[in-house]
Amino acid sequence: MTYIVTIVEDTCEGEGDCVQNCPVDILSLIDRPAGVKVPDTVTDATKVSTVSGDAADCTGCMTCVEVCPSESISVQEI
């Protein structure tokens, strides 16, 4: 099965819970791109999560979705 991981940068709080808990290490924190909205709930607005590894490695475990406090991640089977 193949999955697509989508992260909504405008709502991502950049906490890194998804990065720390991804069992296949395809997520990472990067500097928040210029022009990307910063949610009101963010204490450190410098980071945002992104898919940095091979998205084809996603197993669809949904751990990233479960640990994301801002519900900014979705995983869809294609």
PDB file of N, CA and C in Angstrom:
ATOM      1  N   MET A   1       0.828  -1.171   0.000  1.00  0.00           N
ATOM      2  CA  MET A   1       0.000   0.000   0.000  1.00  0.00           C
ATOM      3  C   MET A   1       0.880   1.245   0.000  1.00  0.00           C
ATOM      4  N   THR A   2       0.343   2.289  -0.580  1.00  0.00           N
ATOM      5  CA  THR A   2       1.061   3.557  -0.648  1.00  0.00           C
ATOM      6  C   THR A   2       0.241   4.629   0.054  1.00  0.00           C
ATOM      7  N   TYR A   3       0.940   5.518   0.738  1.00  0.00           N
ATOM      8  CA  TYR A   3       0.275   6.558   1.519  1.00  0.00           C
ATOM      9  C   TYR A   3       0.828   7.929   1.158  1.00  0.00           C
ATOM     10  N   ILE A   4      -0.015   8.951   1.313  1.00  0.00           N
ATOM     11  CA  ILE A   4       0.402  10.338   1.145  1.00  0.00           C
ATOM     12  C   ILE A   4       0.271  11.022   2.496  1.00  0.00           C
ATOM     13  N   VAL A   5       1.374  11.630   2.938  1.00  0.00           N
ATOM     14  CA  VAL A   5       1.376  12.388   4.184  1.00  0.00           C
ATOM     15  C   VAL A   5       1.301  13.858   3.811  1.00  0.00           C
ATOM     16  N   THR A   6       0.329  14.559   4.380  1.00  0.00           N
ATOM     17  CA  THR A   6       0.151  15.982   4.117  1.00  0.00           C
ATOM     18  C   THR A   6       0.243  16.746   5.428  1.00  0.00           C
ATOM     19  N   ILE A   7       1.054  17.809   5.433  1.00  0.00           N
ATOM     20  CA  ILE A   7       1.185  18.669   6.599  1.00  0.00           C
ATOM     21  C   ILE A   7       0.747  20.076   6.205  1.00  0.00           C
ATOM     22  N   VAL A   8      -0.207  20.624   6.925  1.00  0.00           N
ATOM     23  CA  VAL A   8      -0.683  21.975   6.673  1.00  0.00           C
ATOM     24  C   VAL A   8       0.227  22.931   7.436  1.00  0.00           C
ATOM     25  N   GLU A   9       1.107  23.610   6.710  1.00  0.00           N
ATOM     26  CA  GLU A   9       2.097  24.487   7.339  1.00  0.00           C
ATOM     27  C   GLU A   9       1.460  25.636   8.109  1.00  0.00           C
ATOM     28  N   ASP A  10       0.345  26.154   7.625  1.00  0.00           N
ATOM     29  CA  ASP A  10      -0.301  27.298   8.277  1.00  0.00           C
ATOM     30  C   ASP A  10      -0.865  26.974   9.657  1.00  0.00           C
ATOM     31  N   THR A  11      -1.095  25.691   9.941  1.00  0.00           N
ATOM     32  CA  THR A  11      -1.600  25.326  11.263  1.00  0.00           C
ATOM     33  C   THR A  11      -0.584  24.544  12.088  1.00  0.00           C
ATOM     34  N   CYS A  12       0.507  24.120  11.468  1.00  0.00           N
ATOM     35  CA  CYS A  12       1.546  23.364  12.175  1.00  0.00           C
ATOM     36  C   CYS A  12       2.192  24.246  13.247  1.00  0.00           C
ATOM     37  N   GLU A  13       2.260  23.713  14.461  1.00  0.00           N
ATOM     38  CA  GLU A  13       2.840  24.442  15.582  1.00  0.00           C
ATOM     39  C   GLU A  13       4.349  24.235  15.698  1.00  0.00           C
ATOM     40  N   GLY A  14       4.911  23.325  14.913  1.00  0.00           N
ATOM     41  CA  GLY A  14       6.350  23.103  14.934  1.00  0.00           C
ATOM     42  C   GLY A  14       6.863  22.479  16.215  1.00  0.00           C
ATOM     43  N   GLU A  15       6.005  21.754  16.899  1.00  0.00           N
ATOM     44  CA  GLU A  15       6.388  21.113  18.161  1.00  0.00           C
ATOM     45  C   GLU A  15       7.366  19.956  17.936  1.00  0.00           C
ATOM     46  N   GLY A  16       7.230  19.258  16.831  1.00  0.00           N
ATOM     47  CA  GLY A  16       8.122  18.159  16.512  1.00  0.00           C
ATOM     48  C   GLY A  16       7.699  16.810  17.045  1.00  0.00           C
ATOM     49  N   ASP A  17       6.500  16.720  17.630  1.00  0.00           N
ATOM     50  CA  ASP A  17       6.031  15.429  18.137  1.00  0.00           C
ATOM     51  C   ASP A  17       5.963  14.393  17.016  1.00  0.00           C
ATOM     52  N   CYS A  18       5.530  14.819  15.850  1.00  0.00           N
ATOM     53  CA  CYS A  18       5.428  13.903  14.710  1.00  0.00           C
ATOM     54  C   CYS A  18       6.809  13.406  14.299  1.00  0.00           C
ATOM     55  N   VAL A  19       7.777  14.308  14.300  1.00  0.00           N
ATOM     56  CA  VAL A  19       9.155  13.968  13.913  1.00  0.00           C
ATOM     57  C   VAL A  19       9.727  12.944  14.879  1.00  0.00           C
ATOM     58  N   GLN A  20       9.543  13.178  16.162  1.00  0.00           N
ATOM     59  CA  GLN A  20      10.100  12.305  17.188  1.00  0.00           C
ATOM     60  C   GLN A  20       9.446  10.930  17.209  1.00  0.00           C
ATOM     61  N   ASN A  21       8.208  10.840  16.754  1.00  0.00           N
ATOM     62  CA  ASN A  21       7.463   9.585  16.855  1.00  0.00           C
ATOM     63  C   ASN A  21       7.315   8.812  15.554  1.00  0.00           C
ATOM     64  N   CYS A  22       7.748   9.374  14.427  1.00  0.00           N
ATOM     65  CA  CYS A  22       7.626   8.665  13.141  1.00  0.00           C
ATOM     66  C   CYS A  22       8.566   7.452  13.126  1.00  0.00           C
ATOM     67  N   PRO A  23       8.020   6.248  13.023  1.00  0.00           N
ATOM     68  CA  PRO A  23       8.872   5.057  13.067  1.00  0.00           C
ATOM     69  C   PRO A  23       9.740   4.852  11.824  1.00  0.00           C
ATOM     70  N   VAL A  24       9.428   5.547  10.731  1.00  0.00           N
ATOM     71  CA  VAL A  24      10.228   5.386   9.511  1.00  0.00           C
ATOM     72  C   VAL A  24      11.041   6.636   9.183  1.00  0.00           C
ATOM     73  N   ASP A  25      11.049   7.609  10.090  1.00  0.00           N
ATOM     74  CA  ASP A  25      11.892   8.803   9.988  1.00  0.00           C
ATOM     75  C   ASP A  25      11.782   9.552   8.659  1.00  0.00           C
ATOM     76  N   ILE A  26      10.546   9.804   8.226  1.00  0.00           N
ATOM     77  CA  ILE A  26      10.388  10.570   6.982  1.00  0.00           C
ATOM     78  C   ILE A  26      10.012  12.026   7.243  1.00  0.00           C
ATOM     79  N   LEU A  27       9.871  12.407   8.521  1.00  0.00           N
ATOM     80  CA  LEU A  27       9.484  13.774   8.867  1.00  0.00           C
ATOM     81  C   LEU A  27      10.645  14.499   9.532  1.00  0.00           C
ATOM     82  N   SER A  28      10.687  15.814   9.368  1.00  0.00           N
ATOM     83  CA  SER A  28      11.696  16.621  10.050  1.00  0.00           C
ATOM     84  C   SER A  28      11.158  18.026  10.270  1.00  0.00           C
ATOM     85  N   LEU A  29      11.844  18.756  11.143  1.00  0.00           N
ATOM     86  CA  LEU A  29      11.523  20.159  11.377  1.00  0.00           C
ATOM     87  C   LEU A  29      12.436  21.012  10.515  1.00  0.00           C
ATOM     88  N   ILE A  30      11.862  22.024   9.880  1.00  0.00           N
ATOM     89  CA  ILE A  30      12.638  22.962   9.073  1.00  0.00           C
ATOM     90  C   ILE A  30      12.296  24.374   9.527  1.00  0.00           C
ATOM     91  N   ASP A  31      13.084  25.324   9.096  1.00  0.00           N
ATOM     92  CA  ASP A  31      12.758  26.721   9.375  1.00  0.00           C
ATOM     93  C   ASP A  31      11.438  27.068   8.686  1.00  0.00           C
ATOM     94  N   ARG A  32      10.579  27.765   9.412  1.00  0.00           N
ATOM     95  CA  ARG A  32       9.282  28.154   8.852  1.00  0.00           C
ATOM     96  C   ARG A  32       9.514  29.073   7.655  1.00  0.00           C
ATOM     97  N   PRO A  33       8.998  28.694   6.477  1.00  0.00           N
ATOM     98  CA  PRO A  33       9.178  29.530   5.288  1.00  0.00           C
ATOM     99  C   PRO A  33       8.543  30.911   5.458  1.00  0.00           C
ATOM    100  N   ALA A  34       9.141  31.895   4.842  1.00  0.00           N
ATOM    101  CA  ALA A  34       8.588  33.252   4.873  1.00  0.00           C
ATOM    102  C   ALA A  34       7.190  33.224   4.281  1.00  0.00           C
ATOM    103  N   GLY A  35       6.284  33.936   4.899  1.00  0.00           N
ATOM    104  CA  GLY A  35       4.922  34.021   4.398  1.00  0.00           C
ATOM    105  C   GLY A  35       3.993  32.945   4.907  1.00  0.00           C
ATOM    106  N   VAL A  36       4.525  31.933   5.612  1.00  0.00           N
ATOM    107  CA  VAL A  36       3.667  30.896   6.171  1.00  0.00           C
ATOM    108  C   VAL A  36       3.089  31.409   7.482  1.00  0.00           C
ATOM    109  N   LYS A  37       1.788  31.358   7.586  1.00  0.00           N
ATOM    110  CA  LYS A  37       1.074  31.841   8.770  1.00  0.00           C
ATOM    111  C   LYS A  37       1.572  31.127  10.020  1.00  0.00           C
ATOM    112  N   VAL A  38       1.622  31.858  11.113  1.00  0.00           N
ATOM    113  CA  VAL A  38       2.015  31.294  12.401  1.00  0.00           C
ATOM    114  C   VAL A  38       0.760  31.186  13.267  1.00  0.00           C
ATOM    115  N   PRO A  39       0.402  29.964  13.699  1.00  0.00           N
ATOM    116  CA  PRO A  39      -0.782  29.818  14.544  1.00  0.00           C
ATOM    117  C   PRO A  39      -0.636  30.572  15.864  1.00  0.00           C
ATOM    118  N   ASP A  40      -1.737  31.027  16.415  1.00  0.00           N
ATOM    119  CA  ASP A  40      -1.739  31.761  17.685  1.00  0.00           C
ATOM    120  C   ASP A  40      -1.211  30.927  18.844  1.00  0.00           C
ATOM    121  N   THR A  41      -1.282  29.609  18.735  1.00  0.00           N
ATOM    122  CA  THR A  41      -0.899  28.719  19.824  1.00  0.00           C
ATOM    123  C   THR A  41       0.600  28.442  19.881  1.00  0.00           C
ATOM    124  N   VAL A  42       1.367  28.967  18.944  1.00  0.00           N
ATOM    125  CA  VAL A  42       2.796  28.680  18.848  1.00  0.00           C
ATOM    126  C   VAL A  42       3.597  29.558  19.801  1.00  0.00           C
ATOM    127  N   THR A  43       4.517  28.924  20.544  1.00  0.00           N
ATOM    128  CA  THR A  43       5.404  29.691  21.413  1.00  0.00           C
ATOM    129  C   THR A  43       6.730  29.985  20.721  1.00  0.00           C
ATOM    130  N   ASP A  44       7.148  29.096  19.804  1.00  0.00           N
ATOM    131  CA  ASP A  44       8.366  29.315  19.024  1.00  0.00           C
ATOM    132  C   ASP A  44       7.980  29.187  17.555  1.00  0.00           C
ATOM    133  N   ALA A  45       7.892  30.305  16.866  1.00  0.00           N
ATOM    134  CA  ALA A  45       7.373  30.328  15.494  1.00  0.00           C
ATOM    135  C   ALA A  45       8.433  30.058  14.437  1.00  0.00           C
ATOM    136  N   THR A  46       9.587  29.554  14.813  1.00  0.00           N
ATOM    137  CA  THR A  46      10.677  29.403  13.847  1.00  0.00           C
ATOM    138  C   THR A  46      10.658  28.093  13.076  1.00  0.00           C
ATOM    139  N   LYS A  47       9.927  27.095  13.529  1.00  0.00           N
ATOM    140  CA  LYS A  47       9.977  25.767  12.915  1.00  0.00           C
ATOM    141  C   LYS A  47       8.614  25.316  12.420  1.00  0.00           C
ATOM    142  N   VAL A  48       8.654  24.394  11.467  1.00  0.00           N
ATOM    143  CA  VAL A  48       7.461  23.755  10.929  1.00  0.00           C
ATOM    144  C   VAL A  48       7.864  22.345  10.492  1.00  0.00           C
ATOM    145  N   SER A  49       6.953  21.401  10.596  1.00  0.00           N
ATOM    146  CA  SER A  49       7.235  20.023  10.179  1.00  0.00           C
ATOM    147  C   SER A  49       7.066  19.885   8.681  1.00  0.00           C
ATOM    148  N   THR A  50       7.827  18.944   8.129  1.00  0.00           N
ATOM    149  CA  THR A  50       7.730  18.676   6.697  1.00  0.00           C
ATOM    150  C   THR A  50       8.068  17.215   6.432  1.00  0.00           C
ATOM    151  N   VAL A  51       7.640  16.715   5.277  1.00  0.00           N
ATOM    152  CA  VAL A  51       8.028  15.379   4.840  1.00  0.00           C
ATOM    153  C   VAL A  51       9.374  15.539   4.146  1.00  0.00           C
ATOM    154  N   SER A  52      10.416  15.008   4.761  1.00  0.00           N
ATOM    155  CA  SER A  52      11.766  15.186   4.226  1.00  0.00           C
ATOM    156  C   SER A  52      12.361  13.899   3.689  1.00  0.00           C
ATOM    157  N   GLY A  53      11.819  12.781   4.114  1.00  0.00           N
ATOM    158  CA  GLY A  53      12.320  11.502   3.638  1.00  0.00           C
ATOM    159  C   GLY A  53      11.495  11.018   2.459  1.00  0.00           C
ATOM    160  N   ASP A  54      11.699   9.782   2.107  1.00  0.00           N
ATOM    161  CA  ASP A  54      10.967   9.179   0.998  1.00  0.00           C
ATOM    162  C   ASP A  54       9.549   8.863   1.462  1.00  0.00           C
ATOM    163  N   ALA A  55       8.590   9.614   0.972  1.00  0.00           N
ATOM    164  CA  ALA A  55       7.195   9.438   1.375  1.00  0.00           C
ATOM    165  C   ALA A  55       6.701   8.022   1.091  1.00  0.00           C
ATOM    166  N   ALA A  56       7.322   7.340   0.156  1.00  0.00           N
ATOM    167  CA  ALA A  56       6.933   5.965  -0.160  1.00  0.00           C
ATOM    168  C   ALA A  56       7.236   5.017   0.995  1.00  0.00           C
ATOM    169  N   ASP A  57       8.074   5.451   1.937  1.00  0.00           N
ATOM    170  CA  ASP A  57       8.399   4.629   3.104  1.00  0.00           C
ATOM    171  C   ASP A  57       7.306   4.663   4.167  1.00  0.00           C
ATOM    172  N   CYS A  58       6.342   5.579   4.044  1.00  0.00           N
ATOM    173  CA  CYS A  58       5.260   5.681   5.023  1.00  0.00           C
ATOM    174  C   CYS A  58       4.495   4.361   5.071  1.00  0.00           C
ATOM    175  N   THR A  59       4.277   3.861   6.296  1.00  0.00           N
ATOM    176  CA  THR A  59       3.563   2.598   6.485  1.00  0.00           C
ATOM    177  C   THR A  59       2.084   2.798   6.805  1.00  0.00           C
ATOM    178  N   GLY A  60       1.666   4.051   6.933  1.00  0.00           N
ATOM    179  CA  GLY A  60       0.275   4.331   7.246  1.00  0.00           C
ATOM    180  C   GLY A  60      -0.087   4.044   8.694  1.00  0.00           C
ATOM    181  N   CYS A  61       0.897   4.072   9.585  1.00  0.00           N
ATOM    182  CA  CYS A  61       0.649   3.737  10.990  1.00  0.00           C
ATOM    183  C   CYS A  61      -0.178   4.797  11.715  1.00  0.00           C
ATOM    184  N   MET A  62      -0.222   6.014  11.185  1.00  0.00           N
ATOM    185  CA  MET A  62      -1.013   7.119  11.734  1.00  0.00           C
ATOM    186  C   MET A  62      -0.465   7.695  13.035  1.00  0.00           C
ATOM    187  N   THR A  63       0.736   7.318  13.430  1.00  0.00           N
ATOM    188  CA  THR A  63       1.319   7.848  14.658  1.00  0.00           C
ATOM    189  C   THR A  63       1.450   9.364  14.587  1.00  0.00           C
ATOM    190  N   CYS A  64       1.889   9.887  13.458  1.00  0.00           N
ATOM    191  CA  CYS A  64       2.051  11.335  13.308  1.00  0.00           C
ATOM    192  C   CYS A  64       0.731  12.060  13.501  1.00  0.00           C
ATOM    193  N   VAL A  65      -0.328  11.497  12.975  1.00  0.00           N
ATOM    194  CA  VAL A  65      -1.657  12.090  13.103  1.00  0.00           C
ATOM    195  C   VAL A  65      -2.098  12.080  14.570  1.00  0.00           C
ATOM    196  N   GLU A  66      -1.851  10.966  15.244  1.00  0.00           N
ATOM    197  CA  GLU A  66      -2.278  10.805  16.632  1.00  0.00           C
ATOM    198  C   GLU A  66      -1.559  11.754  17.584  1.00  0.00           C
ATOM    199  N   VAL A  67      -0.289  12.063  17.327  1.00  0.00           N
ATOM    200  CA  VAL A  67       0.482  12.895  18.270  1.00  0.00           C
ATOM    201  C   VAL A  67       0.485  14.370  17.920  1.00  0.00           C
ATOM    202  N   CYS A  68      -0.065  14.754  16.782  1.00  0.00           N
ATOM    203  CA  CYS A  68      -0.049  16.157  16.365  1.00  0.00           C
ATOM    204  C   CYS A  68      -1.064  16.966  17.170  1.00  0.00           C
ATOM    205  N   PRO A  69      -0.598  17.920  18.002  1.00  0.00           N
ATOM    206  CA  PRO A  69      -1.522  18.679  18.838  1.00  0.00           C
ATOM    207  C   PRO A  69      -2.416  19.644  18.047  1.00  0.00           C
ATOM    208  N   SER A  70      -1.992  20.022  16.854  1.00  0.00           N
ATOM    209  CA  SER A  70      -2.771  20.988  16.073  1.00  0.00           C
ATOM    210  C   SER A  70      -3.569  20.342  14.948  1.00  0.00           C
ATOM    211  N   GLU A  71      -3.533  19.003  14.877  1.00  0.00           N
ATOM    212  CA  GLU A  71      -4.257  18.258  13.847  1.00  0.00           C
ATOM    213  C   GLU A  71      -3.899  18.743  12.447  1.00  0.00           C
ATOM    214  N   SER A  72      -2.608  18.989  12.231  1.00  0.00           N
ATOM    215  CA  SER A  72      -2.129  19.523  10.960  1.00  0.00           C
ATOM    216  C   SER A  72      -1.663  18.451   9.978  1.00  0.00           C
ATOM    217  N   ILE A  73      -1.712  17.198  10.374  1.00  0.00           N
ATOM    218  CA  ILE A  73      -1.211  16.106   9.536  1.00  0.00           C
ATOM    219  C   ILE A  73      -2.349  15.186   9.146  1.00  0.00           C
ATOM    220  N   SER A  74      -2.328  14.769   7.890  1.00  0.00           N
ATOM    221  CA  SER A  74      -3.260  13.736   7.448  1.00  0.00           C
ATOM    222  C   SER A  74      -2.476  12.699   6.651  1.00  0.00           C
ATOM    223  N   VAL A  75      -2.965  11.479   6.701  1.00  0.00           N
ATOM    224  CA  VAL A  75      -2.358  10.375   5.968  1.00  0.00           C
ATOM    225  C   VAL A  75      -3.482   9.714   5.186  1.00  0.00           C
ATOM    226  N   GLN A  76      -3.271   9.603   3.876  1.00  0.00           N
ATOM    227  CA  GLN A  76      -4.276   8.997   3.020  1.00  0.00           C
ATOM    228  C   GLN A  76      -3.670   7.847   2.244  1.00  0.00           C
ATOM    229  N   GLU A  77      -4.401   6.773   2.156  1.00  0.00           N
ATOM    230  CA  GLU A  77      -3.987   5.642   1.334  1.00  0.00           C
ATOM    231  C   GLU A  77      -4.357   5.935  -0.113  1.00  0.00           C
ATOM    232  N   ILE A  78      -3.431   5.685  -1.011  1.00  0.00           N
ATOM    233  CA  ILE A  78      -3.737   5.898  -2.431  1.00  0.00           C
ATOM    234  C   ILE A  78      -3.601   4.603  -3.200  1.00  0.00           C
TER     235      ILE A  78
END
